[in-house]
Amino acid sequence: MNRKGWKYPIVFFSLAQVACFTLLALWIYWFVSNYFVFSEVEETFALHLSLTVRSFIALIGGIVLLASIIIFLSLIFVRWDQQVQANSRYDTFIANVTHELKTPLASVQLYLETMENNNVPEEKRKEFYRFMQQDTERLNQLITSILEIAKVEGRKGVFHFNTYQLDELIRKLLRETAEDLRLPPSTLTIRGNSGCICKAAPEALQMVFSHLISNAVKYTIQNPEIFITLGRSGRRAVIEIQDSGIGIPKRYRKLVFKKFRRVERNDSPSVKGTGLGLYLVKELIRLHNGTISIENSDEGTLFRIEIPAKKTGVKADGTSES
């Protein structure tokens, strides 16, 4: 966040709080000092009682008034702080989206101009077409991600929840994700069984796996290896996704699930994004009344997803329960 935007509001708020507490201290001092003065000159018990009651009411009234002013100023500052942060994230989002949109568009435009103004060999044209297709797919993914966020946040999209045998559903969705991302069969290794049934929206879970596995591939320097482990913990199905990438530092593990937040890494300068993917994943898992977290791992990143489920009579190792 820009420090210049913080400077004067914080100074104003601090001075206002100091002024309010100073007035409160002076008000209490006035009451105490006047109480002793009135005690020395009192002529009758009734007069003493009347002055004491009036002074006490004035003290309480002053304290309530000043406390109200302090609370009001605090609420204004908190609201202002929230608005500044929201504006900052929005500005970051617009800058990232603009960059993400302009880069592939500029690339496509360059290829088209090159083919139009030069005698490009057929083999080179095919290569240019392939690059342009990749750029248009990148644009499509970005636009789709933005629309998905709007759909989830506005509850405009209707995800159809039904009861599924979770292991079969997960394996099917992972196979489709690998095909969509054009990953070699050896990239994904699925192991274990949850032995659960649960209510799920396949479309939403497909989006979850697509984002997580796509990130795993992007943030892996060499050939990616992704291990998906299915299990159960009490009344919750557990899905762990372990990759062999560069990992996420511990101090960033909660931040990456926030909207517009990204971790800038020196060892992955070519990876760009808008910081929406993991936020969307978290919201989609929340629709399933589940949770997602990043666990400690010796290598890469380990995502742990938990969603409510029921046993199906099959143990996690695949054998039948008695």
C-alpha atoms as a PDB file:
ATOM      1  CA  MET A   1       0.000   0.000   0.000  1.00  0.00           C
ATOM      2  CA  ASN A   2       1.170   3.486  -0.783  1.00  0.00           C
ATOM      3  CA  ARG A   3       2.625   5.101   2.332  1.00  0.00           C
ATOM      4  CA  LYS A   4       1.768   8.601   1.157  1.00  0.00           C
ATOM      5  CA  GLY A   5      -1.926   7.791   1.303  1.00  0.00           C
ATOM      6  CA  TRP A   6      -1.564   6.889   4.965  1.00  0.00           C
ATOM      7  CA  LYS A   7       0.410   9.871   6.225  1.00  0.00           C
ATOM      8  CA  TYR A   8      -2.091  12.674   6.855  1.00  0.00           C
ATOM      9  CA  PRO A   9      -5.167  10.613   7.897  1.00  0.00           C
ATOM     10  CA  ILE A  10      -3.132   8.806  10.559  1.00  0.00           C
ATOM     11  CA  VAL A  11      -1.740  12.092  11.868  1.00  0.00           C
ATOM     12  CA  PHE A  12      -5.243  13.582  11.986  1.00  0.00           C
ATOM     13  CA  PHE A  13      -6.663  10.526  13.732  1.00  0.00           C
ATOM     14  CA  SER A  14      -3.830  10.460  16.283  1.00  0.00           C
ATOM     15  CA  LEU A  15      -4.214  14.153  17.073  1.00  0.00           C
ATOM     16  CA  ALA A  16      -7.992  13.788  17.384  1.00  0.00           C
ATOM     17  CA  GLN A  17      -7.586  10.898  19.823  1.00  0.00           C
ATOM     18  CA  VAL A  18      -5.031  12.837  21.874  1.00  0.00           C
ATOM     19  CA  ALA A  19      -7.367  15.838  21.964  1.00  0.00           C
ATOM     20  CA  CYS A  20     -10.300  13.703  23.117  1.00  0.00           C
ATOM     21  CA  PHE A  21      -8.316  12.027  25.881  1.00  0.00           C
ATOM     22  CA  THR A  22      -6.954  15.415  26.970  1.00  0.00           C
ATOM     23  CA  LEU A  23     -10.482  16.825  27.191  1.00  0.00           C
ATOM     24  CA  LEU A  24     -11.556  13.769  29.160  1.00  0.00           C
ATOM     25  CA  ALA A  25      -8.691  14.242  31.623  1.00  0.00           C
ATOM     26  CA  LEU A  26      -9.496  17.959  31.991  1.00  0.00           C
ATOM     27  CA  TRP A  27     -13.170  17.147  32.539  1.00  0.00           C
ATOM     28  CA  ILE A  28     -12.351  14.729  35.359  1.00  0.00           C
ATOM     29  CA  TYR A  29      -9.890  17.204  36.841  1.00  0.00           C
ATOM     30  CA  TRP A  30     -12.556  19.950  36.743  1.00  0.00           C
ATOM     31  CA  PHE A  31     -15.036  17.727  38.557  1.00  0.00           C
ATOM     32  CA  VAL A  32     -12.591  16.674  41.279  1.00  0.00           C
ATOM     33  CA  SER A  33     -11.286  20.214  41.901  1.00  0.00           C
ATOM     34  CA  ASN A  34     -14.769  21.749  41.993  1.00  0.00           C
ATOM     35  CA  TYR A  35     -16.025  19.051  44.316  1.00  0.00           C
ATOM     36  CA  PHE A  36     -13.478  20.061  46.961  1.00  0.00           C
ATOM     37  CA  VAL A  37     -14.206  23.773  46.449  1.00  0.00           C
ATOM     38  CA  PHE A  38     -17.941  23.239  46.924  1.00  0.00           C
ATOM     39  CA  SER A  39     -17.260  21.130  50.008  1.00  0.00           C
ATOM     40  CA  GLU A  40     -15.358  23.973  51.678  1.00  0.00           C
ATOM     41  CA  VAL A  41     -18.053  26.611  51.089  1.00  0.00           C
ATOM     42  CA  GLU A  42     -21.133  24.498  51.589  1.00  0.00           C
ATOM     43  CA  GLU A  43     -23.690  26.067  53.924  1.00  0.00           C
ATOM     44  CA  THR A  44     -26.216  23.283  54.201  1.00  0.00           C
ATOM     45  CA  PHE A  45     -26.398  19.543  53.686  1.00  0.00           C
ATOM     46  CA  ALA A  46     -29.090  19.973  51.009  1.00  0.00           C
ATOM     47  CA  LEU A  47     -26.902  22.391  49.062  1.00  0.00           C
ATOM     48  CA  HIS A  48     -24.006  19.987  49.272  1.00  0.00           C
ATOM     49  CA  LEU A  49     -26.157  17.124  48.005  1.00  0.00           C
ATOM     50  CA  SER A  50     -27.573  19.196  45.143  1.00  0.00           C
ATOM     51  CA  LEU A  51     -24.143  20.332  43.964  1.00  0.00           C
ATOM     52  CA  THR A  52     -22.722  16.829  44.271  1.00  0.00           C
ATOM     53  CA  VAL A  53     -25.527  15.291  42.208  1.00  0.00           C
ATOM     54  CA  ARG A  54     -25.307  17.964  39.533  1.00  0.00           C
ATOM     55  CA  SER A  55     -21.552  17.653  39.320  1.00  0.00           C
ATOM     56  CA  PHE A  56     -21.753  13.874  39.144  1.00  0.00           C
ATOM     57  CA  ILE A  57     -24.305  14.054  36.315  1.00  0.00           C
ATOM     58  CA  ALA A  58     -22.130  16.565  34.475  1.00  0.00           C
ATOM     59  CA  LEU A  59     -19.086  14.297  34.872  1.00  0.00           C
ATOM     60  CA  ILE A  60     -20.890  11.192  33.562  1.00  0.00           C
ATOM     61  CA  GLY A  61     -22.437  13.170  30.718  1.00  0.00           C
ATOM     62  CA  GLY A  62     -19.058  14.570  29.699  1.00  0.00           C
ATOM     63  CA  ILE A  63     -17.393  11.160  29.833  1.00  0.00           C
ATOM     64  CA  VAL A  64     -20.181   9.593  27.728  1.00  0.00           C
ATOM     65  CA  LEU A  65     -19.964  12.429  25.193  1.00  0.00           C
ATOM     66  CA  LEU A  66     -16.197  12.221  24.839  1.00  0.00           C
ATOM     67  CA  ALA A  67     -16.257   8.416  24.718  1.00  0.00           C
ATOM     68  CA  SER A  68     -18.864   8.608  21.950  1.00  0.00           C
ATOM     69  CA  ILE A  69     -16.655  11.001  19.998  1.00  0.00           C
ATOM     70  CA  ILE A  70     -13.667   8.665  20.390  1.00  0.00           C
ATOM     71  CA  ILE A  71     -15.678   5.645  19.248  1.00  0.00           C
ATOM     72  CA  PHE A  72     -17.089   7.602  16.321  1.00  0.00           C
ATOM     73  CA  LEU A  73     -13.619   8.679  15.221  1.00  0.00           C
ATOM     74  CA  SER A  74     -12.371   5.094  15.561  1.00  0.00           C
ATOM     75  CA  LEU A  75     -15.196   3.794  13.383  1.00  0.00           C
ATOM     76  CA  ILE A  76     -14.453   6.446  10.763  1.00  0.00           C
ATOM     77  CA  PHE A  77     -10.782   5.504  10.751  1.00  0.00           C
ATOM     78  CA  VAL A  78     -11.520   1.760  10.494  1.00  0.00           C
ATOM     79  CA  ARG A  79     -13.915   2.369   7.616  1.00  0.00           C
ATOM     80  CA  TRP A  80     -11.400   4.615   5.902  1.00  0.00           C
ATOM     81  CA  ASP A  81      -8.698   1.976   6.359  1.00  0.00           C
ATOM     82  CA  GLN A  82     -10.918  -0.713   4.807  1.00  0.00           C
ATOM     83  CA  GLN A  83     -11.728   1.549   1.875  1.00  0.00           C
ATOM     84  CA  VAL A  84      -8.065   2.393   1.266  1.00  0.00           C
ATOM     85  CA  GLN A  85      -7.141  -1.289   1.276  1.00  0.00           C
ATOM     86  CA  ALA A  86     -10.019  -2.142  -1.053  1.00  0.00           C
ATOM     87  CA  ASN A  87      -8.994   0.640  -3.448  1.00  0.00           C
ATOM     88  CA  SER A  88      -5.392  -0.505  -3.330  1.00  0.00           C
ATOM     89  CA  ARG A  89      -6.337  -4.110  -4.136  1.00  0.00           C
ATOM     90  CA  TYR A  90      -8.634  -2.901  -6.900  1.00  0.00           C
ATOM     91  CA  ASP A  91      -5.867  -0.780  -8.427  1.00  0.00           C
ATOM     92  CA  THR A  92      -3.502  -3.757  -8.260  1.00  0.00           C
ATOM     93  CA  PHE A  93      -6.119  -5.968  -9.859  1.00  0.00           C
ATOM     94  CA  ILE A  94      -6.734  -3.508 -12.713  1.00  0.00           C
ATOM     95  CA  ALA A  95      -2.990  -3.163 -13.319  1.00  0.00           C
ATOM     96  CA  ASN A  96      -2.491  -6.946 -13.359  1.00  0.00           C
ATOM     97  CA  VAL A  97      -5.513  -7.601 -15.566  1.00  0.00           C
ATOM     98  CA  THR A  98      -4.464  -4.853 -17.975  1.00  0.00           C
ATOM     99  CA  HIS A  99      -0.997  -6.343 -18.237  1.00  0.00           C
ATOM    100  CA  GLU A 100      -2.341  -9.866 -18.648  1.00  0.00           C
ATOM    101  CA  LEU A 101      -4.707  -8.726 -21.401  1.00  0.00           C
ATOM    102  CA  LYS A 102      -2.220  -6.558 -23.271  1.00  0.00           C
ATOM    103  CA  THR A 103       0.632  -9.080 -23.332  1.00  0.00           C
ATOM    104  CA  PRO A 104      -1.074 -11.865 -25.329  1.00  0.00           C
ATOM    105  CA  LEU A 105      -2.912  -9.336 -27.500  1.00  0.00           C
ATOM    106  CA  ALA A 106       0.368  -7.653 -28.397  1.00  0.00           C
ATOM    107  CA  SER A 107       1.868 -11.048 -29.152  1.00  0.00           C
ATOM    108  CA  VAL A 108      -1.001 -12.025 -31.462  1.00  0.00           C
ATOM    109  CA  GLN A 109      -0.831  -8.650 -33.175  1.00  0.00           C
ATOM    110  CA  LEU A 110       2.910  -9.032 -33.758  1.00  0.00           C
ATOM    111  CA  TYR A 111       2.505 -12.472 -35.334  1.00  0.00           C
ATOM    112  CA  LEU A 112      -0.294 -11.241 -37.595  1.00  0.00           C
ATOM    113  CA  GLU A 113       1.695  -8.200 -38.715  1.00  0.00           C
ATOM    114  CA  THR A 114       4.736 -10.372 -39.375  1.00  0.00           C
ATOM    115  CA  MET A 115       2.763 -12.763 -41.573  1.00  0.00           C
ATOM    116  CA  GLU A 116       1.061  -9.894 -43.374  1.00  0.00           C
ATOM    117  CA  ASN A 117       4.179  -7.857 -44.147  1.00  0.00           C
ATOM    118  CA  ASN A 118       6.666 -10.660 -44.750  1.00  0.00           C
ATOM    119  CA  ASN A 119       6.912 -13.761 -46.833  1.00  0.00           C
ATOM    120  CA  VAL A 120       6.816 -16.221 -43.961  1.00  0.00           C
ATOM    121  CA  PRO A 121       7.497 -19.899 -44.823  1.00  0.00           C
ATOM    122  CA  GLU A 122       4.613 -22.342 -44.257  1.00  0.00           C
ATOM    123  CA  GLU A 123       6.419 -24.128 -41.429  1.00  0.00           C
ATOM    124  CA  LYS A 124       6.971 -20.837 -39.633  1.00  0.00           C
ATOM    125  CA  ARG A 125       3.331 -19.896 -40.166  1.00  0.00           C
ATOM    126  CA  LYS A 126       2.255 -23.089 -38.409  1.00  0.00           C
ATOM    127  CA  GLU A 127       4.512 -22.198 -35.502  1.00  0.00           C
ATOM    128  CA  PHE A 128       3.025 -18.690 -35.351  1.00  0.00           C
ATOM    129  CA  TYR A 129      -0.496 -20.138 -35.392  1.00  0.00           C
ATOM    130  CA  ARG A 130       0.420 -22.389 -32.485  1.00  0.00           C
ATOM    131  CA  PHE A 131       1.768 -19.454 -30.495  1.00  0.00           C
ATOM    132  CA  MET A 132      -1.332 -17.375 -31.253  1.00  0.00           C
ATOM    133  CA  GLN A 133      -3.553 -20.229 -30.129  1.00  0.00           C
ATOM    134  CA  GLN A 134      -1.670 -20.389 -26.845  1.00  0.00           C
ATOM    135  CA  ASP A 135      -2.099 -16.634 -26.362  1.00  0.00           C
ATOM    136  CA  THR A 136      -5.830 -16.780 -27.091  1.00  0.00           C
ATOM    137  CA  GLU A 137      -6.176 -19.656 -24.614  1.00  0.00           C
ATOM    138  CA  ARG A 138      -4.387 -17.534 -22.034  1.00  0.00           C
ATOM    139  CA  LEU A 139      -6.831 -14.690 -22.680  1.00  0.00           C
ATOM    140  CA  ASN A 140      -9.749 -17.066 -22.414  1.00  0.00           C
ATOM    141  CA  GLN A 141      -8.496 -18.405 -19.082  1.00  0.00           C
ATOM    142  CA  LEU A 142      -8.124 -14.894 -17.686  1.00  0.00           C
ATOM    143  CA  ILE A 143     -11.602 -13.817 -18.748  1.00  0.00           C
ATOM    144  CA  THR A 144     -13.060 -17.088 -17.493  1.00  0.00           C
ATOM    145  CA  SER A 145     -11.368 -16.606 -14.118  1.00  0.00           C
ATOM    146  CA  ILE A 146     -12.831 -13.107 -13.741  1.00  0.00           C
ATOM    147  CA  LEU A 147     -16.306 -14.349 -14.683  1.00  0.00           C
ATOM    148  CA  GLU A 148     -15.999 -17.258 -12.248  1.00  0.00           C
ATOM    149  CA  ILE A 149     -15.171 -14.867  -9.418  1.00  0.00           C
ATOM    150  CA  ALA A 150     -18.209 -12.737 -10.249  1.00  0.00           C
ATOM    151  CA  LYS A 151     -20.367 -15.845 -10.440  1.00  0.00           C
ATOM    152  CA  VAL A 152     -19.262 -17.247  -7.093  1.00  0.00           C
ATOM    153  CA  GLU A 153     -19.368 -13.917  -5.236  1.00  0.00           C
ATOM    154  CA  GLY A 154     -22.711 -12.886  -6.696  1.00  0.00           C
ATOM    155  CA  ARG A 155     -24.162 -16.387  -6.365  1.00  0.00           C
ATOM    156  CA  LYS A 156     -25.315 -15.931  -9.951  1.00  0.00           C
ATOM    157  CA  GLY A 157     -24.005 -19.302 -11.024  1.00  0.00           C
ATOM    158  CA  VAL A 158     -26.021 -22.285  -9.912  1.00  0.00           C
ATOM    159  CA  PHE A 159     -23.789 -25.196  -8.971  1.00  0.00           C
ATOM    160  CA  HIS A 160     -25.761 -28.423  -8.945  1.00  0.00           C
ATOM    161  CA  PHE A 161     -24.978 -30.439  -5.817  1.00  0.00           C
ATOM    162  CA  ASN A 162     -25.674 -34.165  -5.806  1.00  0.00           C
ATOM    163  CA  THR A 163     -24.494 -37.133  -3.767  1.00  0.00           C
ATOM    164  CA  TYR A 164     -21.441 -38.891  -5.219  1.00  0.00           C
ATOM    165  CA  GLN A 165     -19.025 -41.648  -4.361  1.00  0.00           C
ATOM    166  CA  LEU A 166     -16.160 -39.256  -3.732  1.00  0.00           C
ATOM    167  CA  ASP A 167     -13.225 -41.398  -4.846  1.00  0.00           C
ATOM    168  CA  GLU A 168     -14.785 -42.142  -8.236  1.00  0.00           C
ATOM    169  CA  LEU A 169     -15.721 -38.489  -8.748  1.00  0.00           C
ATOM    170  CA  ILE A 170     -12.268 -37.189  -7.794  1.00  0.00           C
ATOM    171  CA  ARG A 171     -10.439 -39.641 -10.054  1.00  0.00           C
ATOM    172  CA  LYS A 172     -12.734 -38.784 -12.964  1.00  0.00           C
ATOM    173  CA  LEU A 173     -12.279 -35.023 -12.480  1.00  0.00           C
ATOM    174  CA  LEU A 174      -8.516 -35.384 -12.183  1.00  0.00           C
ATOM    175  CA  ARG A 175      -8.330 -37.370 -15.418  1.00  0.00           C
ATOM    176  CA  GLU A 176     -10.344 -34.668 -17.189  1.00  0.00           C
ATOM    177  CA  THR A 177      -8.151 -31.937 -15.689  1.00  0.00           C
ATOM    178  CA  ALA A 178      -4.987 -33.668 -16.912  1.00  0.00           C
ATOM    179  CA  GLU A 179      -6.490 -33.949 -20.392  1.00  0.00           C
ATOM    180  CA  ASP A 180      -7.575 -30.297 -20.434  1.00  0.00           C
ATOM    181  CA  LEU A 181      -4.103 -29.158 -19.348  1.00  0.00           C
ATOM    182  CA  ARG A 182      -2.470 -31.610 -21.773  1.00  0.00           C
ATOM    183  CA  LEU A 183      -0.347 -33.201 -19.094  1.00  0.00           C
ATOM    184  CA  PRO A 184       1.505 -36.489 -19.622  1.00  0.00           C
ATOM    185  CA  PRO A 185      -0.109 -39.439 -17.786  1.00  0.00           C
ATOM    186  CA  SER A 186       2.913 -39.702 -15.484  1.00  0.00           C
ATOM    187  CA  THR A 187       2.399 -36.170 -14.106  1.00  0.00           C
ATOM    188  CA  LEU A 188      -0.479 -37.080 -11.772  1.00  0.00           C
ATOM    189  CA  THR A 189      -0.274 -39.911  -9.249  1.00  0.00           C
ATOM    190  CA  ILE A 190      -3.480 -40.697  -7.351  1.00  0.00           C
ATOM    191  CA  ARG A 191      -3.251 -42.861  -4.267  1.00  0.00           C
ATOM    192  CA  GLY A 192      -5.423 -43.909  -1.347  1.00  0.00           C
ATOM    193  CA  ASN A 193      -9.184 -44.001  -0.908  1.00  0.00           C
ATOM    194  CA  SER A 194     -11.478 -41.944   1.276  1.00  0.00           C
ATOM    195  CA  GLY A 195     -14.283 -44.493   1.375  1.00  0.00           C
ATOM    196  CA  CYS A 196     -16.768 -41.620   1.482  1.00  0.00           C
ATOM    197  CA  ILE A 197     -19.854 -40.296  -0.174  1.00  0.00           C
ATOM    198  CA  CYS A 198     -20.577 -36.581  -0.129  1.00  0.00           C
ATOM    199  CA  LYS A 199     -22.646 -33.840  -1.665  1.00  0.00           C
ATOM    200  CA  ALA A 200     -20.573 -32.095  -4.295  1.00  0.00           C
ATOM    201  CA  ALA A 201     -20.804 -29.919  -7.373  1.00  0.00           C
ATOM    202  CA  PRO A 202     -18.564 -31.532 -10.029  1.00  0.00           C
ATOM    203  CA  GLU A 203     -18.233 -28.276 -11.992  1.00  0.00           C
ATOM    204  CA  ALA A 204     -16.979 -26.439  -8.909  1.00  0.00           C
ATOM    205  CA  LEU A 205     -14.514 -29.196  -7.953  1.00  0.00           C
ATOM    206  CA  GLN A 206     -13.282 -29.308 -11.541  1.00  0.00           C
ATOM    207  CA  MET A 207     -12.428 -25.606 -11.268  1.00  0.00           C
ATOM    208  CA  VAL A 208     -10.619 -26.265  -7.970  1.00  0.00           C
ATOM    209  CA  PHE A 209      -8.413 -29.000  -9.423  1.00  0.00           C
ATOM    210  CA  SER A 210      -7.804 -27.042 -12.607  1.00  0.00           C
ATOM    211  CA  HIS A 211      -6.455 -24.031 -10.689  1.00  0.00           C
ATOM    212  CA  LEU A 212      -4.371 -26.046  -8.209  1.00  0.00           C
ATOM    213  CA  ILE A 213      -2.802 -28.343 -10.792  1.00  0.00           C
ATOM    214  CA  SER A 214      -2.250 -25.509 -13.256  1.00  0.00           C
ATOM    215  CA  ASN A 215      -0.421 -23.562 -10.524  1.00  0.00           C
ATOM    216  CA  ALA A 216       1.637 -26.644  -9.661  1.00  0.00           C
ATOM    217  CA  VAL A 217       2.764 -26.926 -13.270  1.00  0.00           C
ATOM    218  CA  LYS A 218       3.520 -23.196 -13.636  1.00  0.00           C
ATOM    219  CA  TYR A 219       5.558 -23.038 -10.437  1.00  0.00           C
ATOM    220  CA  THR A 220       7.634 -26.146 -11.141  1.00  0.00           C
ATOM    221  CA  ILE A 221      10.956 -25.454 -12.811  1.00  0.00           C
ATOM    222  CA  GLN A 222      11.538 -28.983 -14.157  1.00  0.00           C
ATOM    223  CA  ASN A 223       9.113 -31.764 -15.059  1.00  0.00           C
ATOM    224  CA  PRO A 224       6.219 -31.486 -12.596  1.00  0.00           C
ATOM    225  CA  GLU A 225       5.227 -34.375 -10.343  1.00  0.00           C
ATOM    226  CA  ILE A 226       1.891 -34.059  -8.570  1.00  0.00           C
ATOM    227  CA  PHE A 227       0.648 -36.531  -5.974  1.00  0.00           C
ATOM    228  CA  ILE A 228      -3.021 -36.614  -4.966  1.00  0.00           C
ATOM    229  CA  THR A 229      -3.812 -38.534  -1.781  1.00  0.00           C
ATOM    230  CA  LEU A 230      -7.381 -39.427  -0.823  1.00  0.00           C
ATOM    231  CA  GLY A 231      -8.211 -40.145   2.806  1.00  0.00           C
ATOM    232  CA  ARG A 232     -10.606 -39.534   5.652  1.00  0.00           C
ATOM    233  CA  SER A 233     -10.462 -37.800   9.015  1.00  0.00           C
ATOM    234  CA  GLY A 234     -13.519 -38.427  11.154  1.00  0.00           C
ATOM    235  CA  ARG A 235     -16.563 -37.241   9.253  1.00  0.00           C
ATOM    236  CA  ARG A 236     -14.567 -35.336   6.683  1.00  0.00           C
ATOM    237  CA  ALA A 237     -13.010 -36.486   3.437  1.00  0.00           C
ATOM    238  CA  VAL A 238      -9.421 -35.339   2.969  1.00  0.00           C
ATOM    239  CA  ILE A 239      -7.800 -34.563  -0.385  1.00  0.00           C
ATOM    240  CA  GLU A 240      -4.106 -33.685  -0.342  1.00  0.00           C
ATOM    241  CA  ILE A 241      -2.387 -32.292  -3.421  1.00  0.00           C
ATOM    242  CA  GLN A 242       1.408 -32.330  -3.240  1.00  0.00           C
ATOM    243  CA  ASP A 243       3.545 -30.835  -6.007  1.00  0.00           C
ATOM    244  CA  SER A 244       7.284 -30.644  -6.657  1.00  0.00           C
ATOM    245  CA  GLY A 245       7.379 -26.904  -7.313  1.00  0.00           C
ATOM    246  CA  ILE A 246       9.212 -24.033  -5.664  1.00  0.00           C
ATOM    247  CA  GLY A 247       6.819 -23.933  -2.695  1.00  0.00           C
ATOM    248  CA  ILE A 248       5.151 -21.081  -0.817  1.00  0.00           C
ATOM    249  CA  PRO A 249       6.977 -19.434   2.127  1.00  0.00           C
ATOM    250  CA  LYS A 250       5.219 -19.932   5.436  1.00  0.00           C
ATOM    251  CA  ARG A 251       4.553 -16.217   5.973  1.00  0.00           C
ATOM    252  CA  TYR A 252       2.528 -16.067   2.746  1.00  0.00           C
ATOM    253  CA  ARG A 253       0.387 -19.191   3.214  1.00  0.00           C
ATOM    254  CA  LYS A 254      -2.689 -17.370   4.487  1.00  0.00           C
ATOM    255  CA  LEU A 255      -2.264 -14.315   2.287  1.00  0.00           C
ATOM    256  CA  VAL A 256      -2.387 -16.264  -0.991  1.00  0.00           C
ATOM    257  CA  PHE A 257      -6.045 -17.146  -0.386  1.00  0.00           C
ATOM    258  CA  LYS A 258      -6.995 -13.480  -0.236  1.00  0.00           C
ATOM    259  CA  LYS A 259      -8.360 -11.643  -3.222  1.00  0.00           C
ATOM    260  CA  PHE A 260      -5.789 -10.051  -5.549  1.00  0.00           C
ATOM    261  CA  ARG A 261      -2.875 -11.387  -3.478  1.00  0.00           C
ATOM    262  CA  ARG A 262       0.129 -12.969  -5.173  1.00  0.00           C
ATOM    263  CA  VAL A 263       3.563 -14.042  -3.992  1.00  0.00           C
ATOM    264  CA  GLU A 264       6.306 -12.479  -6.067  1.00  0.00           C
ATOM    265  CA  ARG A 265       9.262 -14.833  -6.331  1.00  0.00           C
ATOM    266  CA  ASN A 266      12.677 -14.088  -7.805  1.00  0.00           C
ATOM    267  CA  ASP A 267      12.995 -17.719  -8.876  1.00  0.00           C
ATOM    268  CA  SER A 268       9.812 -17.548 -11.001  1.00  0.00           C
ATOM    269  CA  PRO A 269       9.940 -14.148 -12.754  1.00  0.00           C
ATOM    270  CA  SER A 270       8.030 -15.364 -15.825  1.00  0.00           C
ATOM    271  CA  VAL A 271       4.921 -16.431 -13.904  1.00  0.00           C
ATOM    272  CA  LYS A 272       2.221 -13.777 -14.097  1.00  0.00           C
ATOM    273  CA  GLY A 273      -1.314 -13.673 -12.789  1.00  0.00           C
ATOM    274  CA  THR A 274      -4.057 -11.616 -11.188  1.00  0.00           C
ATOM    275  CA  GLY A 275      -4.087 -13.216  -7.745  1.00  0.00           C
ATOM    276  CA  LEU A 276      -7.600 -14.610  -8.208  1.00  0.00           C
ATOM    277  CA  GLY A 277      -6.969 -18.330  -8.578  1.00  0.00           C
ATOM    278  CA  LEU A 278      -6.492 -19.423  -4.969  1.00  0.00           C
ATOM    279  CA  TYR A 279      -9.146 -16.985  -3.772  1.00  0.00           C
ATOM    280  CA  LEU A 280     -11.591 -18.663  -6.154  1.00  0.00           C
ATOM    281  CA  VAL A 281     -10.472 -22.113  -4.960  1.00  0.00           C
ATOM    282  CA  LYS A 282     -11.119 -21.139  -1.334  1.00  0.00           C
ATOM    283  CA  GLU A 283     -14.597 -19.828  -2.162  1.00  0.00           C
ATOM    284  CA  LEU A 284     -15.501 -22.959  -4.135  1.00  0.00           C
ATOM    285  CA  ILE A 285     -14.392 -25.203  -1.273  1.00  0.00           C
ATOM    286  CA  ARG A 286     -16.391 -23.020   1.116  1.00  0.00           C
ATOM    287  CA  LEU A 287     -19.487 -23.706  -0.996  1.00  0.00           C
ATOM    288  CA  HIS A 288     -18.951 -27.365  -0.063  1.00  0.00           C
ATOM    289  CA  ASN A 289     -18.757 -26.353   3.638  1.00  0.00           C
ATOM    290  CA  GLY A 290     -15.120 -27.362   3.511  1.00  0.00           C
ATOM    291  CA  THR A 291     -11.715 -25.872   4.196  1.00  0.00           C
ATOM    292  CA  ILE A 292      -8.420 -25.605   2.331  1.00  0.00           C
ATOM    293  CA  SER A 293      -5.016 -24.962   3.863  1.00  0.00           C
ATOM    294  CA  ILE A 294      -1.335 -25.151   2.999  1.00  0.00           C
ATOM    295  CA  GLU A 295       0.542 -27.669   5.124  1.00  0.00           C
ATOM    296  CA  ASN A 296       4.233 -28.010   5.902  1.00  0.00           C
ATOM    297  CA  SER A 297       6.118 -29.956   3.267  1.00  0.00           C
ATOM    298  CA  ASP A 298       9.741 -30.905   2.688  1.00  0.00           C
ATOM    299  CA  GLU A 299       9.382 -30.129  -1.011  1.00  0.00           C
ATOM    300  CA  GLY A 300       6.955 -28.081  -3.087  1.00  0.00           C
ATOM    301  CA  THR A 301       3.501 -27.156  -1.828  1.00  0.00           C
ATOM    302  CA  LEU A 302       0.982 -29.373  -0.049  1.00  0.00           C
ATOM    303  CA  PHE A 303      -2.673 -28.293  -0.234  1.00  0.00           C
ATOM    304  CA  ARG A 304      -5.063 -30.030   2.156  1.00  0.00           C
ATOM    305  CA  ILE A 305      -8.785 -29.954   1.345  1.00  0.00           C
ATOM    306  CA  GLU A 306     -11.397 -31.206   3.818  1.00  0.00           C
ATOM    307  CA  ILE A 307     -15.111 -31.503   3.047  1.00  0.00           C
ATOM    308  CA  PRO A 308     -17.969 -33.101   5.015  1.00  0.00           C
ATOM    309  CA  ALA A 309     -18.643 -36.687   3.976  1.00  0.00           C
ATOM    310  CA  LYS A 310     -20.179 -39.992   5.068  1.00  0.00           C
ATOM    311  CA  LYS A 311     -18.615 -43.435   5.159  1.00  0.00           C
ATOM    312  CA  THR A 312     -19.503 -45.920   2.422  1.00  0.00           C
ATOM    313  CA  GLY A 313     -18.359 -49.074   4.170  1.00  0.00           C
ATOM    314  CA  VAL A 314     -14.921 -48.961   2.565  1.00  0.00           C
ATOM    315  CA  LYS A 315     -11.741 -48.219   4.491  1.00  0.00           C
ATOM    316  CA  ALA A 316      -9.167 -45.720   3.344  1.00  0.00           C
ATOM    317  CA  ASP A 317      -6.892 -48.591   2.179  1.00  0.00           C
ATOM    318  CA  GLY A 318      -9.661 -49.937  -0.086  1.00  0.00           C
ATOM    319  CA  THR A 319     -10.692 -52.924   2.050  1.00  0.00           C
ATOM    320  CA  SER A 320     -14.229 -53.470   3.318  1.00  0.00           C
ATOM    321  CA  GLU A 321     -15.205 -52.455   6.810  1.00  0.00           C
ATOM    322  CA  SER A 322     -16.730 -55.127   9.010  1.00  0.00           C
END
